Amino acid sequence: MIPFSGQVIIVTGASSGIGEAVVRRLARAGVKLAISARRVDRLEALARELDPTGARVLAVAGDVTSDADRRRLVEATRKKFGRIDGLVNNAGYGTRGPVERVPVELI
């Protein structure tokens, strides 16, 4: 198993489900986390629960479909932790339809 302690990892879709479970596991492994999701209240509550001091967890609300939000997440992470070692791109999005009819922009 790869030692994660001290690494800086961004996790998107972190406010619930698989993303929240990943964040909890990484926090227990000693990872410095930048967590992101659209639901600000859940995201901030999770960050406070994992690290009340705010030294090891950074919560950045945002939508991964927004270029500005993605850039803000990366910049805030670099500013707080000085680097980024990994990304768990967990944010979910879905669309329905035959693959040949779904516009490339949605894929």
PDB file of N, CA and C in Angstrom:
ATOM      1  N   MET A   1       0.841  -1.179   0.000  1.00  0.00           N
ATOM      2  CA  MET A   1       0.000   0.000   0.000  1.00  0.00           C
ATOM      3  C   MET A   1       0.888   1.245   0.000  1.00  0.00           C
ATOM      4  N   ILE A   2       0.488   2.226  -0.762  1.00  0.00           N
ATOM      5  CA  ILE A   2       1.228   3.492  -0.866  1.00  0.00           C
ATOM      6  C   ILE A   2       1.027   4.296   0.423  1.00  0.00           C
ATOM      7  N   PRO A   3       2.102   4.805   1.021  1.00  0.00           N
ATOM      8  CA  PRO A   3       1.946   5.650   2.216  1.00  0.00           C
ATOM      9  C   PRO A   3       1.408   7.029   1.814  1.00  0.00           C
ATOM     10  N   PHE A   4       0.271   7.394   2.359  1.00  0.00           N
ATOM     11  CA  PHE A   4      -0.359   8.662   2.003  1.00  0.00           C
ATOM     12  C   PHE A   4      -0.080   9.774   2.997  1.00  0.00           C
ATOM     13  N   SER A   5       0.407   9.465   4.155  1.00  0.00           N
ATOM     14  CA  SER A   5       0.600  10.453   5.197  1.00  0.00           C
ATOM     15  C   SER A   5       1.432  11.642   4.695  1.00  0.00           C
ATOM     16  N   GLY A   6       0.899  12.838   4.907  1.00  0.00           N
ATOM     17  CA  GLY A   6       1.590  14.055   4.514  1.00  0.00           C
ATOM     18  C   GLY A   6       1.344  14.496   3.091  1.00  0.00           C
ATOM     19  N   GLN A   7       0.735  13.641   2.284  1.00  0.00           N
ATOM     20  CA  GLN A   7       0.447  14.025   0.898  1.00  0.00           C
ATOM     21  C   GLN A   7      -0.722  15.007   0.864  1.00  0.00           C
ATOM     22  N   VAL A   8      -0.785  15.780  -0.211  1.00  0.00           N
ATOM     23  CA  VAL A   8      -1.866  16.740  -0.420  1.00  0.00           C
ATOM     24  C   VAL A   8      -2.731  16.209  -1.557  1.00  0.00           C
ATOM     25  N   ILE A   9      -3.992  15.931  -1.241  1.00  0.00           N
ATOM     26  CA  ILE A   9      -4.884  15.337  -2.224  1.00  0.00           C
ATOM     27  C   ILE A   9      -6.175  16.135  -2.302  1.00  0.00           C
ATOM     28  N   ILE A  10      -6.604  16.414  -3.524  1.00  0.00           N
ATOM     29  CA  ILE A  10      -7.893  17.051  -3.787  1.00  0.00           C
ATOM     30  C   ILE A  10      -8.920  15.945  -3.993  1.00  0.00           C
ATOM     31  N   VAL A  11     -10.099  16.103  -3.384  1.00  0.00           N
ATOM     32  CA  VAL A  11     -11.197  15.168  -3.595  1.00  0.00           C
ATOM     33  C   VAL A  11     -12.423  15.981  -4.002  1.00  0.00           C
ATOM     34  N   THR A  12     -12.946  15.719  -5.198  1.00  0.00           N
ATOM     35  CA  THR A  12     -14.179  16.373  -5.642  1.00  0.00           C
ATOM     36  C   THR A  12     -15.362  15.472  -5.299  1.00  0.00           C
ATOM     37  N   GLY A  13     -16.539  16.068  -5.230  1.00  0.00           N
ATOM     38  CA  GLY A  13     -17.719  15.299  -4.853  1.00  0.00           C
ATOM     39  C   GLY A  13     -17.600  14.760  -3.443  1.00  0.00           C
ATOM     40  N   ALA A  14     -17.016  15.563  -2.560  1.00  0.00           N
ATOM     41  CA  ALA A  14     -16.630  15.089  -1.231  1.00  0.00           C
ATOM     42  C   ALA A  14     -17.728  15.189  -0.174  1.00  0.00           C
ATOM     43  N   SER A  15     -18.860  15.775  -0.478  1.00  0.00           N
ATOM     44  CA  SER A  15     -19.844  16.040   0.569  1.00  0.00           C
ATOM     45  C   SER A  15     -20.724  14.853   0.924  1.00  0.00           C
ATOM     46  N   SER A  16     -20.701  13.777   0.139  1.00  0.00           N
ATOM     47  CA  SER A  16     -21.536  12.616   0.457  1.00  0.00           C
ATOM     48  C   SER A  16     -21.056  11.381  -0.300  1.00  0.00           C
ATOM     49  N   GLY A  17     -21.649  10.257   0.033  1.00  0.00           N
ATOM     50  CA  GLY A  17     -21.407   9.018  -0.697  1.00  0.00           C
ATOM     51  C   GLY A  17     -19.958   8.573  -0.724  1.00  0.00           C
ATOM     52  N   ILE A  18     -19.535   8.104  -1.891  1.00  0.00           N
ATOM     53  CA  ILE A  18     -18.175   7.601  -2.062  1.00  0.00           C
ATOM     54  C   ILE A  18     -17.144   8.681  -1.763  1.00  0.00           C
ATOM     55  N   GLY A  19     -17.395   9.898  -2.223  1.00  0.00           N
ATOM     56  CA  GLY A  19     -16.447  10.986  -1.974  1.00  0.00           C
ATOM     57  C   GLY A  19     -16.224  11.239  -0.500  1.00  0.00           C
ATOM     58  N   GLU A  20     -17.296  11.240   0.266  1.00  0.00           N
ATOM     59  CA  GLU A  20     -17.169  11.445   1.714  1.00  0.00           C
ATOM     60  C   GLU A  20     -16.413  10.279   2.352  1.00  0.00           C
ATOM     61  N   ALA A  21     -16.704   9.061   1.932  1.00  0.00           N
ATOM     62  CA  ALA A  21     -16.004   7.896   2.479  1.00  0.00           C
ATOM     63  C   ALA A  21     -14.510   7.957   2.163  1.00  0.00           C
ATOM     64  N   VAL A  22     -14.168   8.369   0.958  1.00  0.00           N
ATOM     65  CA  VAL A  22     -12.758   8.494   0.563  1.00  0.00           C
ATOM     66  C   VAL A  22     -12.066   9.540   1.420  1.00  0.00           C
ATOM     67  N   VAL A  23     -12.721  10.666   1.610  1.00  0.00           N
ATOM     68  CA  VAL A  23     -12.151  11.751   2.421  1.00  0.00           C
ATOM     69  C   VAL A  23     -11.893  11.280   3.850  1.00  0.00           C
ATOM     70  N   ARG A  24     -12.852  10.582   4.416  1.00  0.00           N
ATOM     71  CA  ARG A  24     -12.684  10.089   5.785  1.00  0.00           C
ATOM     72  C   ARG A  24     -11.500   9.125   5.875  1.00  0.00           C
ATOM     73  N   ARG A  25     -11.377   8.250   4.911  1.00  0.00           N
ATOM     74  CA  ARG A  25     -10.273   7.274   4.911  1.00  0.00           C
ATOM     75  C   ARG A  25      -8.928   7.987   4.757  1.00  0.00           C
ATOM     76  N   LEU A  26      -8.859   8.928   3.817  1.00  0.00           N
ATOM     77  CA  LEU A  26      -7.611   9.657   3.601  1.00  0.00           C
ATOM     78  C   LEU A  26      -7.226  10.492   4.828  1.00  0.00           C
ATOM     79  N   ALA A  27      -8.218  11.085   5.476  1.00  0.00           N
ATOM     80  CA  ALA A  27      -7.938  11.870   6.686  1.00  0.00           C
ATOM     81  C   ALA A  27      -7.325  10.977   7.766  1.00  0.00           C
ATOM     82  N   ARG A  28      -7.870   9.760   7.925  1.00  0.00           N
ATOM     83  CA  ARG A  28      -7.309   8.826   8.906  1.00  0.00           C
ATOM     84  C   ARG A  28      -5.881   8.414   8.550  1.00  0.00           C
ATOM     85  N   ALA A  29      -5.556   8.463   7.260  1.00  0.00           N
ATOM     86  CA  ALA A  29      -4.208   8.098   6.802  1.00  0.00           C
ATOM     87  C   ALA A  29      -3.223   9.257   6.912  1.00  0.00           C
ATOM     88  N   GLY A  30      -3.687  10.413   7.392  1.00  0.00           N
ATOM     89  CA  GLY A  30      -2.788  11.544   7.592  1.00  0.00           C
ATOM     90  C   GLY A  30      -2.604  12.444   6.382  1.00  0.00           C
ATOM     91  N   VAL A  31      -3.527  12.374   5.446  1.00  0.00           N
ATOM     92  CA  VAL A  31      -3.458  13.190   4.230  1.00  0.00           C
ATOM     93  C   VAL A  31      -3.922  14.614   4.520  1.00  0.00           C
ATOM     94  N   LYS A  32      -3.304  15.579   3.872  1.00  0.00           N
ATOM     95  CA  LYS A  32      -3.791  16.957   3.864  1.00  0.00           C
ATOM     96  C   LYS A  32      -4.783  17.026   2.721  1.00  0.00           C
ATOM     97  N   LEU A  33      -5.999  17.465   3.008  1.00  0.00           N
ATOM     98  CA  LEU A  33      -7.085  17.379   2.039  1.00  0.00           C
ATOM     99  C   LEU A  33      -7.616  18.731   1.593  1.00  0.00           C
ATOM    100  N   ALA A  34      -7.867  18.832   0.303  1.00  0.00           N
ATOM    101  CA  ALA A  34      -8.667  19.915  -0.256  1.00  0.00           C
ATOM    102  C   ALA A  34      -9.928  19.234  -0.758  1.00  0.00           C
ATOM    103  N   ILE A  35     -11.057  19.540  -0.127  1.00  0.00           N
ATOM    104  CA  ILE A  35     -12.301  18.880  -0.487  1.00  0.00           C
ATOM    105  C   ILE A  35     -13.231  19.863  -1.167  1.00  0.00           C
ATOM    106  N   SER A  36     -13.954  19.348  -2.159  1.00  0.00           N
ATOM    107  CA  SER A  36     -14.818  20.221  -2.935  1.00  0.00           C
ATOM    108  C   SER A  36     -16.136  19.522  -3.249  1.00  0.00           C
ATOM    109  N   ALA A  37     -17.201  20.317  -3.286  1.00  0.00           N
ATOM    110  CA  ALA A  37     -18.534  19.853  -3.643  1.00  0.00           C
ATOM    111  C   ALA A  37     -19.420  21.076  -3.811  1.00  0.00           C
ATOM    112  N   ARG A  38     -20.601  20.864  -4.344  1.00  0.00           N
ATOM    113  CA  ARG A  38     -21.532  21.982  -4.534  1.00  0.00           C
ATOM    114  C   ARG A  38     -22.301  22.316  -3.259  1.00  0.00           C
ATOM    115  N   ARG A  39     -22.522  21.336  -2.408  1.00  0.00           N
ATOM    116  CA  ARG A  39     -23.317  21.549  -1.187  1.00  0.00           C
ATOM    117  C   ARG A  39     -22.430  22.114  -0.080  1.00  0.00           C
ATOM    118  N   VAL A  40     -22.434  23.421   0.032  1.00  0.00           N
ATOM    119  CA  VAL A  40     -21.531  24.140   0.930  1.00  0.00           C
ATOM    120  C   VAL A  40     -21.727  23.725   2.384  1.00  0.00           C
ATOM    121  N   ASP A  41     -22.960  23.634   2.838  1.00  0.00           N
ATOM    122  CA  ASP A  41     -23.216  23.317   4.245  1.00  0.00           C
ATOM    123  C   ASP A  41     -22.646  21.958   4.622  1.00  0.00           C
ATOM    124  N   ARG A  42     -22.859  20.949   3.804  1.00  0.00           N
ATOM    125  CA  ARG A  42     -22.341  19.607   4.097  1.00  0.00           C
ATOM    126  C   ARG A  42     -20.811  19.577   4.002  1.00  0.00           C
ATOM    127  N   LEU A  43     -20.281  20.279   3.016  1.00  0.00           N
ATOM    128  CA  LEU A  43     -18.839  20.316   2.811  1.00  0.00           C
ATOM    129  C   LEU A  43     -18.136  20.945   4.009  1.00  0.00           C
ATOM    130  N   GLU A  44     -18.624  22.092   4.446  1.00  0.00           N
ATOM    131  CA  GLU A  44     -18.003  22.789   5.572  1.00  0.00           C
ATOM    132  C   GLU A  44     -18.165  22.016   6.876  1.00  0.00           C
ATOM    133  N   ALA A  45     -19.315  21.358   7.065  1.00  0.00           N
ATOM    134  CA  ALA A  45     -19.515  20.544   8.268  1.00  0.00           C
ATOM    135  C   ALA A  45     -18.532  19.374   8.294  1.00  0.00           C
ATOM    136  N   LEU A  46     -18.322  18.751   7.154  1.00  0.00           N
ATOM    137  CA  LEU A  46     -17.372  17.639   7.066  1.00  0.00           C
ATOM    138  C   LEU A  46     -15.951  18.117   7.365  1.00  0.00           C
ATOM    139  N   ALA A  47     -15.580  19.247   6.804  1.00  0.00           N
ATOM    140  CA  ALA A  47     -14.238  19.794   7.037  1.00  0.00           C
ATOM    141  C   ALA A  47     -14.021  20.077   8.525  1.00  0.00           C
ATOM    142  N   ARG A  48     -15.010  20.681   9.187  1.00  0.00           N
ATOM    143  CA  ARG A  48     -14.898  20.979  10.625  1.00  0.00           C
ATOM    144  C   ARG A  48     -14.812  19.696  11.450  1.00  0.00           C
ATOM    145  N   GLU A  49     -15.580  18.687  11.048  1.00  0.00           N
ATOM    146  CA  GLU A  49     -15.560  17.413  11.774  1.00  0.00           C
ATOM    147  C   GLU A  49     -14.189  16.742  11.663  1.00  0.00           C
ATOM    148  N   LEU A  50     -13.628  16.730  10.474  1.00  0.00           N
ATOM    149  CA  LEU A  50     -12.348  16.056  10.251  1.00  0.00           C
ATOM    150  C   LEU A  50     -11.173  16.797  10.865  1.00  0.00           C
ATOM    151  N   ASP A  51     -11.246  18.122  10.856  1.00  0.00           N
ATOM    152  CA  ASP A  51     -10.129  18.920  11.369  1.00  0.00           C
ATOM    153  C   ASP A  51     -10.641  20.259  11.877  1.00  0.00           C
ATOM    154  N   PRO A  52     -11.050  20.320  13.136  1.00  0.00           N
ATOM    155  CA  PRO A  52     -11.592  21.565  13.693  1.00  0.00           C
ATOM    156  C   PRO A  52     -10.630  22.753  13.599  1.00  0.00           C
ATOM    157  N   THR A  53      -9.326  22.489  13.533  1.00  0.00           N
ATOM    158  CA  THR A  53      -8.350  23.579  13.456  1.00  0.00           C
ATOM    159  C   THR A  53      -8.224  24.141  12.041  1.00  0.00           C
ATOM    160  N   GLY A  54      -8.618  23.358  11.036  1.00  0.00           N
ATOM    161  CA  GLY A  54      -8.489  23.798   9.651  1.00  0.00           C
ATOM    162  C   GLY A  54      -7.082  23.697   9.094  1.00  0.00           C
ATOM    163  N   ALA A  55      -6.173  23.095   9.843  1.00  0.00           N
ATOM    164  CA  ALA A  55      -4.784  23.007   9.391  1.00  0.00           C
ATOM    165  C   ALA A  55      -4.582  21.958   8.306  1.00  0.00           C
ATOM    166  N   ARG A  56      -5.375  20.889   8.319  1.00  0.00           N
ATOM    167  CA  ARG A  56      -5.150  19.772   7.396  1.00  0.00           C
ATOM    168  C   ARG A  56      -6.267  19.585   6.369  1.00  0.00           C
ATOM    169  N   VAL A  57      -7.360  20.342   6.505  1.00  0.00           N
ATOM    170  CA  VAL A  57      -8.486  20.199   5.575  1.00  0.00           C
ATOM    171  C   VAL A  57      -8.923  21.570   5.093  1.00  0.00           C
ATOM    172  N   LEU A  58      -8.997  21.706   3.777  1.00  0.00           N
ATOM    173  CA  LEU A  58      -9.461  22.931   3.131  1.00  0.00           C
ATOM    174  C   LEU A  58     -10.742  22.601   2.381  1.00  0.00           C
ATOM    175  N   ALA A  59     -11.823  23.319   2.666  1.00  0.00           N
ATOM    176  CA  ALA A  59     -13.089  23.132   1.963  1.00  0.00           C
ATOM    177  C   ALA A  59     -13.263  24.256   0.952  1.00  0.00           C
ATOM    178  N   VAL A  60     -13.456  23.881  -0.304  1.00  0.00           N
ATOM    179  CA  VAL A  60     -13.655  24.859  -1.372  1.00  0.00           C
ATOM    180  C   VAL A  60     -14.916  24.469  -2.131  1.00  0.00           C
ATOM    181  N   ALA A  61     -15.997  25.213  -1.914  1.00  0.00           N
ATOM    182  CA  ALA A  61     -17.245  24.920  -2.615  1.00  0.00           C
ATOM    183  C   ALA A  61     -17.084  25.199  -4.097  1.00  0.00           C
ATOM    184  N   GLY A  62     -17.669  24.341  -4.916  1.00  0.00           N
ATOM    185  CA  GLY A  62     -17.582  24.577  -6.344  1.00  0.00           C
ATOM    186  C   GLY A  62     -18.201  23.464  -7.150  1.00  0.00           C
ATOM    187  N   ASP A  63     -18.297  23.723  -8.434  1.00  0.00           N
ATOM    188  CA  ASP A  63     -18.874  22.794  -9.400  1.00  0.00           C
ATOM    189  C   ASP A  63     -17.789  22.442 -10.406  1.00  0.00           C
ATOM    190  N   VAL A  64     -17.475  21.159 -10.559  1.00  0.00           N
ATOM    191  CA  VAL A  64     -16.387  20.763 -11.450  1.00  0.00           C
ATOM    192  C   VAL A  64     -16.677  21.043 -12.918  1.00  0.00           C
ATOM    193  N   THR A  65     -17.921  21.370 -13.250  1.00  0.00           N
ATOM    194  CA  THR A  65     -18.216  21.730 -14.639  1.00  0.00           C
ATOM    195  C   THR A  65     -17.874  23.184 -14.929  1.00  0.00           C
ATOM    196  N   SER A  66     -17.500  23.936 -13.887  1.00  0.00           N
ATOM    197  CA  SER A  66     -17.139  25.343 -14.031  1.00  0.00           C
ATOM    198  C   SER A  66     -15.617  25.494 -14.066  1.00  0.00           C
ATOM    199  N   ASP A  67     -15.100  26.013 -15.161  1.00  0.00           N
ATOM    200  CA  ASP A  67     -13.664  26.229 -15.279  1.00  0.00           C
ATOM    201  C   ASP A  67     -13.158  27.141 -14.161  1.00  0.00           C
ATOM    202  N   ALA A  68     -13.905  28.191 -13.850  1.00  0.00           N
ATOM    203  CA  ALA A  68     -13.494  29.127 -12.801  1.00  0.00           C
ATOM    204  C   ALA A  68     -13.431  28.431 -11.440  1.00  0.00           C
ATOM    205  N   ASP A  69     -14.402  27.567 -11.150  1.00  0.00           N
ATOM    206  CA  ASP A  69     -14.402  26.846  -9.875  1.00  0.00           C
ATOM    207  C   ASP A  69     -13.233  25.864  -9.793  1.00  0.00           C
ATOM    208  N   ARG A  70     -12.947  25.184 -10.889  1.00  0.00           N
ATOM    209  CA  ARG A  70     -11.803  24.261 -10.901  1.00  0.00           C
ATOM    210  C   ARG A  70     -10.500  25.010 -10.649  1.00  0.00           C
ATOM    211  N   ARG A  71     -10.325  26.134 -11.316  1.00  0.00           N
ATOM    212  CA  ARG A  71      -9.109  26.928 -11.131  1.00  0.00           C
ATOM    213  C   ARG A  71      -8.998  27.443  -9.695  1.00  0.00           C
ATOM    214  N   ARG A  72     -10.110  27.881  -9.135  1.00  0.00           N
ATOM    215  CA  ARG A  72     -10.117  28.387  -7.763  1.00  0.00           C
ATOM    216  C   ARG A  72      -9.729  27.283  -6.781  1.00  0.00           C
ATOM    217  N   LEU A  73     -10.203  26.063  -7.016  1.00  0.00           N
ATOM    218  CA  LEU A  73      -9.862  24.925  -6.164  1.00  0.00           C
ATOM    219  C   LEU A  73      -8.361  24.644  -6.199  1.00  0.00           C
ATOM    220  N   VAL A  74      -7.801  24.606  -7.384  1.00  0.00           N
ATOM    221  CA  VAL A  74      -6.363  24.343  -7.527  1.00  0.00           C
ATOM    222  C   VAL A  74      -5.544  25.466  -6.884  1.00  0.00           C
ATOM    223  N   GLU A  75      -5.907  26.703  -7.156  1.00  0.00           N
ATOM    224  CA  GLU A  75      -5.163  27.835  -6.601  1.00  0.00           C
ATOM    225  C   GLU A  75      -5.234  27.869  -5.071  1.00  0.00           C
ATOM    226  N   ALA A  76      -6.422  27.637  -4.521  1.00  0.00           N
ATOM    227  CA  ALA A  76      -6.578  27.651  -3.065  1.00  0.00           C
ATOM    228  C   ALA A  76      -5.774  26.527  -2.417  1.00  0.00           C
ATOM    229  N   THR A  77      -5.748  25.367  -3.069  1.00  0.00           N
ATOM    230  CA  THR A  77      -4.990  24.226  -2.540  1.00  0.00           C
ATOM    231  C   THR A  77      -3.502  24.529  -2.550  1.00  0.00           C
ATOM    232  N   ARG A  78      -3.015  25.053  -3.645  1.00  0.00           N
ATOM    233  CA  ARG A  78      -1.587  25.402  -3.723  1.00  0.00           C
ATOM    234  C   ARG A  78      -1.223  26.479  -2.715  1.00  0.00           C
ATOM    235  N   LYS A  79      -2.104  27.444  -2.545  1.00  0.00           N
ATOM    236  CA  LYS A  79      -1.824  28.533  -1.604  1.00  0.00           C
ATOM    237  C   LYS A  79      -1.747  28.004  -0.170  1.00  0.00           C
ATOM    238  N   LYS A  80      -2.667  27.131   0.203  1.00  0.00           N
ATOM    239  CA  LYS A  80      -2.694  26.623   1.578  1.00  0.00           C
ATOM    240  C   LYS A  80      -1.604  25.587   1.842  1.00  0.00           C
ATOM    241  N   PHE A  81      -1.413  24.644   0.912  1.00  0.00           N
ATOM    242  CA  PHE A  81      -0.525  23.514   1.167  1.00  0.00           C
ATOM    243  C   PHE A  81       0.779  23.541   0.372  1.00  0.00           C
ATOM    244  N   GLY A  82       0.893  24.426  -0.610  1.00  0.00           N
ATOM    245  CA  GLY A  82       2.135  24.560  -1.357  1.00  0.00           C
ATOM    246  C   GLY A  82       2.316  23.614  -2.524  1.00  0.00           C
ATOM    247  N   ARG A  83       1.448  22.620  -2.636  1.00  0.00           N
ATOM    248  CA  ARG A  83       1.568  21.649  -3.723  1.00  0.00           C
ATOM    249  C   ARG A  83       0.300  20.807  -3.797  1.00  0.00           C
ATOM    250  N   ILE A  84       0.236  19.982  -4.835  1.00  0.00           N
ATOM    251  CA  ILE A  84      -0.842  19.002  -4.991  1.00  0.00           C
ATOM    252  C   ILE A  84      -0.178  17.687  -5.395  1.00  0.00           C
ATOM    253  N   ASP A  85      -0.445  16.629  -4.629  1.00  0.00           N
ATOM    254  CA  ASP A  85       0.144  15.328  -4.920  1.00  0.00           C
ATOM    255  C   ASP A  85      -0.813  14.383  -5.642  1.00  0.00           C
ATOM    256  N   GLY A  86      -2.105  14.618  -5.505  1.00  0.00           N
ATOM    257  CA  GLY A  86      -3.045  13.697  -6.124  1.00  0.00           C
ATOM    258  C   GLY A  86      -4.438  14.283  -6.228  1.00  0.00           C
ATOM    259  N   LEU A  87      -5.262  13.603  -7.026  1.00  0.00           N
ATOM    260  CA  LEU A  87      -6.647  14.016  -7.261  1.00  0.00           C
ATOM    261  C   LEU A  87      -7.535  12.785  -7.265  1.00  0.00           C
ATOM    262  N   VAL A  88      -8.616  12.854  -6.496  1.00  0.00           N
ATOM    263  CA  VAL A  88      -9.678  11.866  -6.582  1.00  0.00           C
ATOM    264  C   VAL A  88     -10.855  12.619  -7.195  1.00  0.00           C
ATOM    265  N   ASN A  89     -11.035  12.441  -8.490  1.00  0.00           N
ATOM    266  CA  ASN A  89     -12.062  13.164  -9.228  1.00  0.00           C
ATOM    267  C   ASN A  89     -13.363  12.381  -9.150  1.00  0.00           C
ATOM    268  N   ASN A  90     -14.075  12.561  -8.045  1.00  0.00           N
ATOM    269  CA  ASN A  90     -15.241  11.763  -7.716  1.00  0.00           C
ATOM    270  C   ASN A  90     -16.561  12.436  -8.058  1.00  0.00           C
ATOM    271  N   ALA A  91     -16.560  13.717  -8.354  1.00  0.00           N
ATOM    272  CA  ALA A  91     -17.816  14.423  -8.605  1.00  0.00           C
ATOM    273  C   ALA A  91     -18.579  13.729  -9.724  1.00  0.00           C
ATOM    274  N   GLY A  92     -19.855  13.526  -9.474  1.00  0.00           N
ATOM    275  CA  GLY A  92     -20.664  12.787 -10.438  1.00  0.00           C
ATOM    276  C   GLY A  92     -21.524  13.678 -11.307  1.00  0.00           C
ATOM    277  N   TYR A  93     -21.755  13.189 -12.495  1.00  0.00           N
ATOM    278  CA  TYR A  93     -22.651  13.861 -13.433  1.00  0.00           C
ATOM    279  C   TYR A  93     -23.192  12.789 -14.360  1.00  0.00           C
ATOM    280  N   GLY A  94     -24.420  12.901 -14.725  1.00  0.00           N
ATOM    281  CA  GLY A  94     -24.972  11.900 -15.632  1.00  0.00           C
ATOM    282  C   GLY A  94     -25.901  12.524 -16.642  1.00  0.00           C
ATOM    283  N   THR A  95     -25.990  11.886 -17.767  1.00  0.00           N
ATOM    284  CA  THR A  95     -26.946  12.278 -18.794  1.00  0.00           C
ATOM    285  C   THR A  95     -27.428  11.003 -19.461  1.00  0.00           C
ATOM    286  N   ARG A  96     -28.609  11.049 -20.015  1.00  0.00           N
ATOM    287  CA  ARG A  96     -29.172   9.852 -20.636  1.00  0.00           C
ATOM    288  C   ARG A  96     -29.365  10.061 -22.120  1.00  0.00           C
ATOM    289  N   GLY A  97     -29.256   8.965 -22.820  1.00  0.00           N
ATOM    290  CA  GLY A  97     -29.507   8.991 -24.254  1.00  0.00           C
ATOM    291  C   GLY A  97     -28.545   8.098 -24.999  1.00  0.00           C
ATOM    292  N   PRO A  98     -28.880   7.760 -26.213  1.00  0.00           N
ATOM    293  CA  PRO A  98     -27.958   6.954 -27.023  1.00  0.00           C
ATOM    294  C   PRO A  98     -26.658   7.713 -27.245  1.00  0.00           C
ATOM    295  N   VAL A  99     -25.539   7.023 -27.090  1.00  0.00           N
ATOM    296  CA  VAL A  99     -24.238   7.676 -27.172  1.00  0.00           C
ATOM    297  C   VAL A  99     -24.067   8.456 -28.472  1.00  0.00           C
ATOM    298  N   GLU A 100     -24.631   7.971 -29.548  1.00  0.00           N
ATOM    299  CA  GLU A 100     -24.484   8.675 -30.829  1.00  0.00           C
ATOM    300  C   GLU A 100     -25.307   9.957 -30.894  1.00  0.00           C
ATOM    301  N   ARG A 101     -26.207  10.153 -29.949  1.00  0.00           N
ATOM    302  CA  ARG A 101     -27.045  11.367 -29.949  1.00  0.00           C
ATOM    303  C   ARG A 101     -26.683  12.371 -28.849  1.00  0.00           C
ATOM    304  N   VAL A 102     -25.864  11.954 -27.913  1.00  0.00           N
ATOM    305  CA  VAL A 102     -25.473  12.850 -26.828  1.00  0.00           C
ATOM    306  C   VAL A 102     -24.385  13.770 -27.330  1.00  0.00           C
ATOM    307  N   PRO A 103     -24.585  15.085 -27.222  1.00  0.00           N
ATOM    308  CA  PRO A 103     -23.557  16.029 -27.701  1.00  0.00           C
ATOM    309  C   PRO A 103     -22.224  15.819 -26.981  1.00  0.00           C
ATOM    310  N   VAL A 104     -21.147  15.964 -27.712  1.00  0.00           N
ATOM    311  CA  VAL A 104     -19.804  15.790 -27.178  1.00  0.00           C
ATOM    312  C   VAL A 104     -19.589  16.715 -25.975  1.00  0.00           C
ATOM    313  N   GLU A 105     -20.148  17.902 -25.997  1.00  0.00           N
ATOM    314  CA  GLU A 105     -19.981  18.860 -24.901  1.00  0.00           C
ATOM    315  C   GLU A 105     -20.506  18.283 -23.581  1.00  0.00           C
ATOM    316  N   LEU A 106     -21.532  17.441 -23.642  1.00  0.00           N
ATOM    317  CA  LEU A 106     -22.073  16.841 -22.417  1.00  0.00           C
ATOM    318  C   LEU A 106     -21.241  15.665 -21.942  1.00  0.00           C
ATOM    319  N   ILE A 107     -20.560  15.015 -22.875  1.00  0.00           N
ATOM    320  CA  ILE A 107     -19.741  13.868 -22.503  1.00  0.00           C
ATOM    321  C   ILE A 107     -18.492  14.356 -21.807  1.00  0.00           C
TER     322      ILE A 107
END
